[in-house]
Amino acid sequence: MDNQNLHRPNDTKPKPEAKPEIKKDLLFDDSVLQKIAGKTASEIDGVMDLSGNIFSDMTDRFRKTDNLKKGVSVDIEDNKRVTVELDAIMKYGTKAPEVFDQVTDAICKNVKEMTGMDVTAVKLTVKDMMTDEELQAQKDADEKAKQEKANAEADNKDLQPA
């Protein structure tokens, strides 16, 4: 008797059931890509702050936390490609072209890793070059304006009838 016949695999195994095809659609809101680009750019040495337009600067004065999307706009094409535009304040004395290259490389890498999308263009407008002292003075003035607004709102609440 041949031992090979005793160990033959069972040919009557059930066939695995076919899984239904799942339609997948992973989408990202513009604000997510703005946040990725903004946070990434702000972490590059030489970029002191991202500055938005006058409207966003005004609304940011009343916010309790930093807005990572401030000064960043994105355009998403076919949920595969994205263009990024940034408005930045750079540190006085930095070599802007070198900082721009670092910002571009980092944004391209992070957007690809986190979303799978390719960055096809990055535009950075340097709105100002400031020293650390100038930026701190501006932030102090903004904080003072926030505090004054909060105090005025608190005073108005106290004056309202019960």
C-alpha atoms as a PDB file:
ATOM      1  CA  MET A   1       0.000   0.000   0.000  1.00  0.00           C
ATOM      2  CA  ASP A   2       1.258   3.407  -0.939  1.00  0.00           C
ATOM      3  CA  ASN A   3       1.507   5.890   1.992  1.00  0.00           C
ATOM      4  CA  GLN A   4       1.161   8.844  -0.340  1.00  0.00           C
ATOM      5  CA  ASN A   5      -2.496   7.985  -0.937  1.00  0.00           C
ATOM      6  CA  LEU A   6      -3.230   8.077   2.788  1.00  0.00           C
ATOM      7  CA  HIS A   7      -2.179  11.712   3.110  1.00  0.00           C
ATOM      8  CA  ARG A   8      -3.972  13.103   0.067  1.00  0.00           C
ATOM      9  CA  PRO A   9      -5.563  16.494   0.777  1.00  0.00           C
ATOM     10  CA  ASN A  10      -9.318  16.647   0.749  1.00  0.00           C
ATOM     11  CA  ASP A  11     -10.410  17.901  -2.673  1.00  0.00           C
ATOM     12  CA  THR A  12     -13.900  18.739  -1.434  1.00  0.00           C
ATOM     13  CA  LYS A  13     -12.976  21.900   0.499  1.00  0.00           C
ATOM     14  CA  PRO A  14     -15.634  24.590   0.201  1.00  0.00           C
ATOM     15  CA  LYS A  15     -14.676  27.434  -2.130  1.00  0.00           C
ATOM     16  CA  PRO A  16     -14.413  30.806  -0.395  1.00  0.00           C
ATOM     17  CA  GLU A  17     -17.412  33.026  -1.026  1.00  0.00           C
ATOM     18  CA  ALA A  18     -16.809  35.986  -3.283  1.00  0.00           C
ATOM     19  CA  LYS A  19     -16.846  39.220  -1.285  1.00  0.00           C
ATOM     20  CA  PRO A  20     -19.071  41.944  -2.611  1.00  0.00           C
ATOM     21  CA  GLU A  21     -17.148  44.789  -4.203  1.00  0.00           C
ATOM     22  CA  ILE A  22     -17.050  47.803  -1.925  1.00  0.00           C
ATOM     23  CA  LYS A  23     -17.127  51.242  -3.491  1.00  0.00           C
ATOM     24  CA  LYS A  24     -14.543  53.335  -1.698  1.00  0.00           C
ATOM     25  CA  ASP A  25     -14.279  57.105  -1.808  1.00  0.00           C
ATOM     26  CA  LEU A  26     -11.815  58.856   0.505  1.00  0.00           C
ATOM     27  CA  LEU A  27     -12.266  62.613   0.297  1.00  0.00           C
ATOM     28  CA  PHE A  28     -10.518  65.444   2.094  1.00  0.00           C
ATOM     29  CA  ASP A  29     -12.008  68.823   2.854  1.00  0.00           C
ATOM     30  CA  ASP A  30      -9.929  71.821   1.788  1.00  0.00           C
ATOM     31  CA  SER A  31      -9.492  72.750   5.445  1.00  0.00           C
ATOM     32  CA  VAL A  32      -7.657  69.466   6.144  1.00  0.00           C
ATOM     33  CA  LEU A  33      -5.100  70.180   3.447  1.00  0.00           C
ATOM     34  CA  GLN A  34      -4.820  73.774   4.624  1.00  0.00           C
ATOM     35  CA  LYS A  35      -4.055  72.511   8.117  1.00  0.00           C
ATOM     36  CA  ILE A  36      -1.418  70.036   6.887  1.00  0.00           C
ATOM     37  CA  ALA A  37       0.301  72.699   4.770  1.00  0.00           C
ATOM     38  CA  GLY A  38       0.023  75.371   7.472  1.00  0.00           C
ATOM     39  CA  LYS A  39       1.366  73.227  10.287  1.00  0.00           C
ATOM     40  CA  THR A  40       4.152  71.893   8.077  1.00  0.00           C
ATOM     41  CA  ALA A  41       5.244  75.348   6.905  1.00  0.00           C
ATOM     42  CA  SER A  42       5.133  76.818  10.406  1.00  0.00           C
ATOM     43  CA  GLU A  43       7.565  74.142  11.611  1.00  0.00           C
ATOM     44  CA  ILE A  44      10.262  75.216   9.133  1.00  0.00           C
ATOM     45  CA  ASP A  45      12.995  77.390  10.631  1.00  0.00           C
ATOM     46  CA  GLY A  46      12.761  80.847   9.091  1.00  0.00           C
ATOM     47  CA  VAL A  47       8.967  80.905   8.791  1.00  0.00           C
ATOM     48  CA  MET A  48       7.841  83.044  11.703  1.00  0.00           C
ATOM     49  CA  ASP A  49       4.113  83.162  11.036  1.00  0.00           C
ATOM     50  CA  LEU A  50       1.558  82.510   8.348  1.00  0.00           C
ATOM     51  CA  SER A  51      -0.564  85.560   7.756  1.00  0.00           C
ATOM     52  CA  GLY A  52      -3.974  85.627   6.225  1.00  0.00           C
ATOM     53  CA  ASN A  53      -5.904  88.436   4.686  1.00  0.00           C
ATOM     54  CA  ILE A  54      -7.355  91.290   6.724  1.00  0.00           C
ATOM     55  CA  PHE A  55     -10.630  89.412   7.328  1.00  0.00           C
ATOM     56  CA  SER A  56      -8.938  86.300   8.738  1.00  0.00           C
ATOM     57  CA  ASP A  57      -6.580  88.460  10.809  1.00  0.00           C
ATOM     58  CA  MET A  58      -9.607  90.182  12.357  1.00  0.00           C
ATOM     59  CA  THR A  59     -11.449  86.936  13.098  1.00  0.00           C
ATOM     60  CA  ASP A  60      -8.281  85.411  14.559  1.00  0.00           C
ATOM     61  CA  ARG A  61      -8.176  88.153  17.180  1.00  0.00           C
ATOM     62  CA  PHE A  62     -11.312  86.656  18.702  1.00  0.00           C
ATOM     63  CA  ARG A  63     -10.195  83.029  18.544  1.00  0.00           C
ATOM     64  CA  LYS A  64      -8.883  81.277  21.644  1.00  0.00           C
ATOM     65  CA  THR A  65      -6.448  79.023  19.726  1.00  0.00           C
ATOM     66  CA  ASP A  66      -4.061  79.502  16.819  1.00  0.00           C
ATOM     67  CA  ASN A  67      -5.591  78.968  13.396  1.00  0.00           C
ATOM     68  CA  LEU A  68      -3.296  76.603  11.492  1.00  0.00           C
ATOM     69  CA  LYS A  69      -5.151  77.364   8.253  1.00  0.00           C
ATOM     70  CA  LYS A  70      -4.489  81.105   8.416  1.00  0.00           C
ATOM     71  CA  GLY A  71      -2.552  82.339   5.393  1.00  0.00           C
ATOM     72  CA  VAL A  72      -3.044  79.068   3.496  1.00  0.00           C
ATOM     73  CA  SER A  73      -5.277  78.317   0.545  1.00  0.00           C
ATOM     74  CA  VAL A  74      -5.523  75.102  -1.448  1.00  0.00           C
ATOM     75  CA  ASP A  75      -7.110  73.944  -4.670  1.00  0.00           C
ATOM     76  CA  ILE A  76      -7.865  70.235  -5.023  1.00  0.00           C
ATOM     77  CA  GLU A  77      -8.178  68.704  -8.500  1.00  0.00           C
ATOM     78  CA  ASP A  78      -9.891  65.315  -8.973  1.00  0.00           C
ATOM     79  CA  ASN A  79      -9.106  64.412  -5.356  1.00  0.00           C
ATOM     80  CA  LYS A  80      -5.591  63.509  -6.581  1.00  0.00           C
ATOM     81  CA  ARG A  81      -3.668  66.747  -7.047  1.00  0.00           C
ATOM     82  CA  VAL A  82      -3.448  69.849  -4.911  1.00  0.00           C
ATOM     83  CA  THR A  83      -1.968  73.304  -5.304  1.00  0.00           C
ATOM     84  CA  VAL A  84      -0.986  75.262  -2.207  1.00  0.00           C
ATOM     85  CA  GLU A  85      -0.648  79.012  -1.718  1.00  0.00           C
ATOM     86  CA  LEU A  86       0.850  80.498   1.443  1.00  0.00           C
ATOM     87  CA  ASP A  87       1.285  84.008   2.824  1.00  0.00           C
ATOM     88  CA  ALA A  88       4.118  84.110   5.333  1.00  0.00           C
ATOM     89  CA  ILE A  89       6.146  86.318   7.598  1.00  0.00           C
ATOM     90  CA  MET A  90       9.749  85.208   7.461  1.00  0.00           C
ATOM     91  CA  LYS A  91      12.515  85.820   9.917  1.00  0.00           C
ATOM     92  CA  TYR A  92      14.557  88.854   8.993  1.00  0.00           C
ATOM     93  CA  GLY A  93      17.944  87.825   7.581  1.00  0.00           C
ATOM     94  CA  THR A  94      16.920  84.352   6.380  1.00  0.00           C
ATOM     95  CA  LYS A  95      17.642  83.176   2.855  1.00  0.00           C
ATOM     96  CA  ALA A  96      14.092  83.103   1.507  1.00  0.00           C
ATOM     97  CA  PRO A  97      14.795  80.803  -1.499  1.00  0.00           C
ATOM     98  CA  GLU A  98      16.330  78.166   0.784  1.00  0.00           C
ATOM     99  CA  VAL A  99      13.458  78.379   3.280  1.00  0.00           C
ATOM    100  CA  PHE A 100      10.974  78.172   0.379  1.00  0.00           C
ATOM    101  CA  ASP A 101      12.645  74.974  -0.896  1.00  0.00           C
ATOM    102  CA  GLN A 102      12.407  73.433   2.592  1.00  0.00           C
ATOM    103  CA  VAL A 103       8.746  74.452   2.909  1.00  0.00           C
ATOM    104  CA  THR A 104       7.931  73.021  -0.531  1.00  0.00           C
ATOM    105  CA  ASP A 105       9.701  69.707   0.109  1.00  0.00           C
ATOM    106  CA  ALA A 106       8.091  69.273   3.535  1.00  0.00           C
ATOM    107  CA  ILE A 107       4.572  70.124   2.323  1.00  0.00           C
ATOM    108  CA  CYS A 108       4.860  67.752  -0.664  1.00  0.00           C
ATOM    109  CA  LYS A 109       6.075  64.936   1.607  1.00  0.00           C
ATOM    110  CA  ASN A 110       3.456  65.417   4.337  1.00  0.00           C
ATOM    111  CA  VAL A 111       0.498  65.859   1.984  1.00  0.00           C
ATOM    112  CA  LYS A 112       1.490  62.702   0.077  1.00  0.00           C
ATOM    113  CA  GLU A 113       1.976  60.655   3.259  1.00  0.00           C
ATOM    114  CA  MET A 114      -1.247  61.799   4.942  1.00  0.00           C
ATOM    115  CA  THR A 115      -3.612  61.966   1.965  1.00  0.00           C
ATOM    116  CA  GLY A 116      -2.034  60.157  -0.969  1.00  0.00           C
ATOM    117  CA  MET A 117      -2.390  63.330  -3.058  1.00  0.00           C
ATOM    118  CA  ASP A 118       0.387  64.909  -5.096  1.00  0.00           C
ATOM    119  CA  VAL A 119       1.218  68.571  -4.635  1.00  0.00           C
ATOM    120  CA  THR A 120       1.559  70.046  -8.128  1.00  0.00           C
ATOM    121  CA  ALA A 121       2.354  73.653  -7.195  1.00  0.00           C
ATOM    122  CA  VAL A 122       3.390  75.682  -4.160  1.00  0.00           C
ATOM    123  CA  LYS A 123       3.303  79.466  -4.137  1.00  0.00           C
ATOM    124  CA  LEU A 124       4.650  81.382  -1.157  1.00  0.00           C
ATOM    125  CA  THR A 125       4.187  85.143  -0.837  1.00  0.00           C
ATOM    126  CA  VAL A 126       6.469  86.732   1.743  1.00  0.00           C
ATOM    127  CA  LYS A 127       4.278  89.408   3.339  1.00  0.00           C
ATOM    128  CA  ASP A 128       6.966  90.676   5.697  1.00  0.00           C
ATOM    129  CA  MET A 129      10.371  89.920   7.191  1.00  0.00           C
ATOM    130  CA  MET A 130      10.463  90.541  10.928  1.00  0.00           C
ATOM    131  CA  THR A 131      12.849  90.225  13.799  1.00  0.00           C
ATOM    132  CA  ASP A 132      11.827  88.157  16.813  1.00  0.00           C
ATOM    133  CA  GLU A 133      11.193  91.371  18.733  1.00  0.00           C
ATOM    134  CA  GLU A 134       8.895  92.806  16.029  1.00  0.00           C
ATOM    135  CA  LEU A 135       6.858  89.608  15.855  1.00  0.00           C
ATOM    136  CA  GLN A 136       6.549  89.437  19.646  1.00  0.00           C
ATOM    137  CA  ALA A 137       5.387  93.068  19.773  1.00  0.00           C
ATOM    138  CA  GLN A 138       2.745  92.303  17.134  1.00  0.00           C
ATOM    139  CA  LYS A 139       1.568  89.208  19.032  1.00  0.00           C
ATOM    140  CA  ASP A 140       1.439  91.203  22.280  1.00  0.00           C
ATOM    141  CA  ALA A 141      -0.686  93.874  20.584  1.00  0.00           C
ATOM    142  CA  ASP A 142      -3.015  91.183  19.179  1.00  0.00           C
ATOM    143  CA  GLU A 143      -3.299  89.557  22.607  1.00  0.00           C
ATOM    144  CA  LYS A 144      -4.078  92.906  24.199  1.00  0.00           C
ATOM    145  CA  ALA A 145      -6.829  93.503  21.606  1.00  0.00           C
ATOM    146  CA  LYS A 146      -8.272  90.021  22.336  1.00  0.00           C
ATOM    147  CA  GLN A 147      -8.260  90.722  26.068  1.00  0.00           C
ATOM    148  CA  GLU A 148      -9.917  94.105  25.603  1.00  0.00           C
ATOM    149  CA  LYS A 149     -12.610  92.502  23.433  1.00  0.00           C
ATOM    150  CA  ALA A 150     -13.214  89.780  26.042  1.00  0.00           C
ATOM    151  CA  ASN A 151     -13.441  92.400  28.820  1.00  0.00           C
ATOM    152  CA  ALA A 152     -15.907  94.484  26.781  1.00  0.00           C
ATOM    153  CA  GLU A 153     -18.080  91.416  26.181  1.00  0.00           C
ATOM    154  CA  ALA A 154     -17.995  90.561  29.893  1.00  0.00           C
ATOM    155  CA  ASP A 155     -18.981  94.141  30.774  1.00  0.00           C
ATOM    156  CA  ASN A 156     -21.875  93.995  28.295  1.00  0.00           C
ATOM    157  CA  LYS A 157     -23.155  90.758  29.851  1.00  0.00           C
ATOM    158  CA  ASP A 158     -23.135  92.366  33.298  1.00  0.00           C
ATOM    159  CA  LEU A 159     -25.216  95.307  32.032  1.00  0.00           C
ATOM    160  CA  GLN A 160     -27.922  93.167  30.434  1.00  0.00           C
ATOM    161  CA  PRO A 161     -31.198  92.786  32.349  1.00  0.00           C
ATOM    162  CA  ALA A 162     -31.829  89.436  33.981  1.00  0.00           C
END
